[in-house]
Amino acid sequence: DRFLFVGICRDITEFAHLNTQYARLHQDKSVNTTCIDLPCFSKNEVTDMIMTDMRLPRRLVQDLANVIYKKTSGHAIFAVELLNSLVHDSIITYSPTKCRYEWDRNQIKNLHRRDNCASLILSNLSSLPAEALQSLKILSCLGMQTNRFILDHLQGFSLLQGNGDIVSSLPRLVDVGIVEISGSLIRFSHELIQQQVYNGIPSDQRQQIHLSIGIHLGEKATL
């Protein structure tokens, strides 16, 4: 019999238990282990990405690429989300007369660096309605991912605003890049986002949400 296990984490050294388990498996000669390191983009790779997305030659995007690389250290998610935010804030705009994207070089260079991609994505949450924001908090208390049937059982949950339905808020959360849907699984697009949302809830409120979820699901469960 054979068993294949595939796992992914931001940095294995940050997770003591996982690091210990992996080292044990790696030393076991009966187990084949492969560790794949996914490095950050190089400056040339950031440039190539922007060239492809904007369909512009290297000479026109080089200054922009240099700034994006410097602000994000080549982190793929950071780079993509920074570019998305620049378009969203109309710092990068499309010119119908020139038939190309353009931007103010000085404005780009004076951008403040974001500490992490979660902050970058969550900076756009102010545009979400209160119902979606509350649904997001509930989702963060369910972990990195949850199953659709759990959300169905949370229909009418007392802490949810509006119609008490998380599912109806999912399209908006997907549109802004917060969550992803794959079959019956609903998961955050990045663990940093889930952590940021979760840690942003005051401790006493988190405890109340966890308790209320448990009570609500307990009442829905059939013995």
Protein backbone atom coordinates (compact mmCIF):
# COMPACT_ATOMS: atom_id res chain seq x y z
CA ASP A 1 0.00 0.00 0.00
CA ARG A 2 1.14 3.53 -0.78
CA PHE A 3 0.18 6.82 0.76
CA LEU A 4 0.80 10.27 -0.70
CA PHE A 5 0.65 13.30 1.55
CA VAL A 6 1.01 16.86 0.22
CA GLY A 7 1.30 19.82 2.57
CA ILE A 8 2.06 23.51 2.26
CA CYS A 9 3.05 26.17 4.78
CA ARG A 10 4.53 29.65 4.74
CA ASP A 11 7.72 28.65 6.62
CA ILE A 12 8.14 25.23 8.15
CA THR A 13 10.46 26.64 10.84
CA GLU A 14 7.52 28.67 12.20
CA PHE A 15 5.60 25.50 13.07
CA ALA A 16 7.55 23.49 15.67
CA HIS A 17 5.34 20.40 15.58
CA LEU A 18 5.29 20.26 11.77
CA ASN A 19 9.03 20.84 11.60
CA THR A 20 9.70 18.00 14.06
CA GLN A 21 7.39 15.61 12.23
CA TYR A 22 8.90 16.44 8.85
CA ALA A 23 12.45 15.91 10.18
CA ARG A 24 11.39 12.51 11.55
CA LEU A 25 9.91 11.47 8.20
CA HIS A 26 12.93 12.80 6.31
CA GLN A 27 15.26 10.62 8.41
CA ASP A 28 13.09 7.54 7.88
CA LYS A 29 14.65 5.66 4.95
CA SER A 30 11.35 3.91 4.23
CA VAL A 31 9.66 7.24 3.51
CA ASN A 32 10.40 9.34 0.44
CA THR A 33 10.12 13.05 1.21
CA THR A 34 10.49 16.02 -1.10
CA CYS A 35 10.65 19.62 0.07
CA ILE A 36 9.90 22.18 -2.64
CA ASP A 37 11.00 25.71 -1.87
CA LEU A 38 9.03 28.44 -3.63
CA PRO A 39 11.24 31.54 -3.64
CA CYS A 40 10.13 35.10 -4.21
CA PHE A 41 10.18 36.65 -7.68
CA SER A 42 13.40 38.17 -8.90
CA LYS A 43 13.34 41.74 -10.21
CA ASN A 44 13.34 40.41 -13.79
CA GLU A 45 10.41 38.09 -13.03
CA VAL A 46 8.40 40.98 -11.56
CA THR A 47 9.20 42.96 -14.70
CA ASP A 48 8.13 40.07 -16.95
CA MET A 49 4.85 39.72 -15.04
CA ILE A 50 4.01 43.42 -15.46
CA MET A 51 5.03 43.35 -19.13
CA THR A 52 2.69 40.42 -19.75
CA ASP A 53 -0.26 41.89 -17.82
CA MET A 54 0.02 45.36 -19.34
CA ARG A 55 1.25 44.26 -22.76
CA LEU A 56 3.98 46.87 -22.72
CA PRO A 57 7.68 46.66 -23.58
CA ARG A 58 10.29 46.36 -20.85
CA ARG A 59 11.54 49.93 -21.22
CA LEU A 60 8.10 51.32 -20.34
CA VAL A 61 7.47 49.19 -17.26
CA GLN A 62 10.98 49.00 -15.81
CA ASP A 63 10.56 51.94 -13.41
CA LEU A 64 7.22 50.59 -12.18
CA ALA A 65 8.65 47.08 -11.83
CA ASN A 66 11.60 48.38 -9.81
CA VAL A 67 9.27 50.08 -7.35
CA ILE A 68 6.95 47.06 -7.06
CA TYR A 69 9.95 44.81 -6.43
CA LYS A 70 11.39 47.16 -3.82
CA LYS A 71 8.07 47.55 -1.98
CA THR A 72 7.24 43.82 -1.94
CA SER A 73 10.67 42.14 -1.93
CA GLY A 74 9.43 40.06 -4.85
CA HIS A 75 6.72 38.27 -2.83
CA ALA A 76 4.24 37.08 -5.45
CA ILE A 77 1.06 37.79 -3.48
CA PHE A 78 2.39 41.14 -2.26
CA ALA A 79 3.25 42.16 -5.83
CA VAL A 80 -0.10 41.16 -7.32
CA GLU A 81 -2.12 42.79 -4.54
CA LEU A 82 -0.04 45.98 -4.67
CA LEU A 83 -0.67 46.25 -8.42
CA ASN A 84 -4.39 45.58 -7.87
CA SER A 85 -4.55 48.30 -5.22
CA LEU A 86 -2.79 50.80 -7.53
CA VAL A 87 -5.39 50.14 -10.22
CA HIS A 88 -8.22 50.29 -7.68
CA ASP A 89 -6.96 53.65 -6.37
CA SER A 90 -6.56 54.98 -9.95
CA ILE A 91 -2.82 55.43 -9.52
CA ILE A 92 -2.42 53.15 -12.52
CA THR A 93 -5.01 54.03 -15.17
CA TYR A 94 -5.80 53.02 -18.72
CA SER A 95 -5.55 55.78 -21.32
CA PRO A 96 -8.02 55.29 -24.22
CA THR A 97 -6.15 57.86 -26.32
CA LYS A 98 -2.77 56.15 -25.88
CA CYS A 99 -4.31 52.64 -25.76
CA ARG A 100 -2.07 51.68 -22.86
CA TYR A 101 -1.73 51.83 -19.09
CA GLU A 102 0.04 54.82 -17.57
CA TRP A 103 1.01 56.11 -14.14
CA ASP A 104 2.72 58.96 -12.33
CA ARG A 105 6.29 57.87 -11.58
CA ASN A 106 6.70 60.20 -8.60
CA GLN A 107 3.44 59.05 -7.04
CA ILE A 108 4.49 55.42 -7.46
CA LYS A 109 7.91 56.02 -5.88
CA ASN A 110 6.38 57.73 -2.84
CA LEU A 111 4.11 54.81 -1.96
CA HIS A 112 4.20 53.67 1.64
CA ARG A 113 5.27 50.06 2.05
CA ARG A 114 2.70 47.63 3.42
CA ASP A 115 3.93 45.28 6.14
CA ASN A 116 2.17 42.26 4.66
CA CYS A 117 -0.17 41.23 1.89
CA ALA A 118 -3.00 40.67 4.36
CA SER A 119 -2.97 44.36 5.27
CA LEU A 120 -2.92 45.21 1.57
CA ILE A 121 -5.99 43.12 0.81
CA LEU A 122 -7.84 44.05 3.98
CA SER A 123 -7.31 47.75 3.30
CA ASN A 124 -10.14 47.48 0.75
CA LEU A 125 -12.65 46.01 3.21
CA SER A 126 -14.14 49.36 4.09
CA SER A 127 -16.20 49.12 0.91
CA LEU A 128 -17.90 45.92 2.10
CA PRO A 129 -21.37 46.07 3.68
CA ALA A 130 -21.69 45.36 7.40
CA GLU A 131 -23.27 41.95 6.72
CA ALA A 132 -20.26 40.82 4.68
CA LEU A 133 -17.78 42.07 7.29
CA GLN A 134 -19.58 40.20 10.05
CA SER A 135 -19.71 37.06 7.90
CA LEU A 136 -15.96 37.40 7.38
CA LYS A 137 -15.38 37.46 11.13
CA ILE A 138 -17.50 34.34 11.59
CA LEU A 139 -15.55 32.60 8.80
CA SER A 140 -12.23 33.46 10.43
CA CYS A 141 -13.43 31.76 13.63
CA LEU A 142 -14.02 28.56 11.63
CA GLY A 143 -10.36 28.40 10.62
CA MET A 144 -8.51 28.59 7.34
CA GLN A 145 -11.28 26.71 5.52
CA THR A 146 -14.71 25.29 6.16
CA ASN A 147 -17.30 23.19 4.39
CA ARG A 148 -20.43 24.54 2.74
CA PHE A 149 -22.70 22.38 4.90
CA ILE A 150 -21.33 24.08 8.03
CA LEU A 151 -22.35 27.44 6.61
CA ASP A 152 -25.75 26.05 5.68
CA HIS A 153 -26.20 24.98 9.32
CA LEU A 154 -25.32 28.52 10.43
CA GLN A 155 -28.40 29.84 8.63
CA GLY A 156 -30.19 32.14 11.07
CA PHE A 157 -27.14 32.41 13.36
CA SER A 158 -27.91 35.08 15.96
CA LEU A 159 -24.61 36.98 15.53
CA LEU A 160 -25.11 37.42 11.79
CA GLN A 161 -26.68 40.63 10.57
CA GLY A 162 -29.37 41.03 7.93
CA ASN A 163 -30.86 37.71 6.88
CA GLY A 164 -28.43 35.72 9.04
CA ASP A 165 -26.83 34.00 6.05
CA ILE A 166 -23.07 33.76 5.39
CA VAL A 167 -23.53 32.12 1.98
CA SER A 168 -25.15 35.23 0.50
CA SER A 169 -22.03 37.26 1.37
CA LEU A 170 -19.59 34.87 -0.33
CA PRO A 171 -19.76 36.42 -3.85
CA ARG A 172 -18.60 39.81 -2.52
CA LEU A 173 -15.82 38.21 -0.47
CA VAL A 174 -14.66 36.27 -3.54
CA ASP A 175 -14.72 39.42 -5.69
CA VAL A 176 -12.34 41.28 -3.38
CA GLY A 177 -9.96 38.30 -3.18
CA ILE A 178 -10.60 37.44 0.47
CA VAL A 179 -11.97 33.92 0.04
CA GLU A 180 -11.95 31.23 -2.62
CA ILE A 181 -14.54 28.54 -3.33
CA SER A 182 -13.54 25.08 -4.53
CA GLY A 183 -16.42 22.62 -4.71
CA SER A 184 -17.93 22.45 -1.24
CA LEU A 185 -14.90 24.05 0.42
CA ILE A 186 -14.75 27.75 1.27
CA ARG A 187 -11.28 28.91 2.26
CA PHE A 188 -9.36 32.12 2.77
CA SER A 189 -7.11 33.00 -0.15
CA HIS A 190 -4.15 33.30 2.21
CA GLU A 191 -3.60 32.24 5.81
CA LEU A 192 -2.30 35.72 6.66
CA ILE A 193 -5.70 37.14 5.77
CA GLN A 194 -7.51 34.70 8.04
CA GLN A 195 -5.09 35.49 10.86
CA GLN A 196 -5.45 39.22 10.34
CA VAL A 197 -9.26 39.10 10.42
CA TYR A 198 -9.28 36.75 13.41
CA ASN A 199 -6.74 38.73 15.42
CA GLY A 200 -8.67 41.91 14.64
CA ILE A 201 -11.62 40.65 16.68
CA PRO A 202 -11.37 41.63 20.37
CA SER A 203 -10.58 38.63 22.57
CA ASP A 204 -13.89 38.71 24.46
CA GLN A 205 -15.83 38.88 21.19
CA ARG A 206 -13.87 35.94 19.77
CA GLN A 207 -14.76 33.84 22.79
CA GLN A 208 -18.42 34.78 22.44
CA ILE A 209 -18.42 33.94 18.72
CA HIS A 210 -16.82 30.52 19.31
CA LEU A 211 -19.27 29.74 22.11
CA SER A 212 -22.27 30.91 20.08
CA ILE A 213 -21.18 28.87 17.03
CA GLY A 214 -20.85 25.76 19.19
CA ILE A 215 -24.26 26.25 20.78
CA HIS A 216 -25.94 26.99 17.45
CA LEU A 217 -24.42 23.94 15.70
CA GLY A 218 -25.18 21.79 18.75
CA GLU A 219 -28.84 22.74 18.54
CA LYS A 220 -28.85 21.90 14.79
CA ALA A 221 -27.16 18.52 15.28
CA THR A 222 -29.30 15.39 15.32
CA LEU A 223 -28.45 12.66 17.80
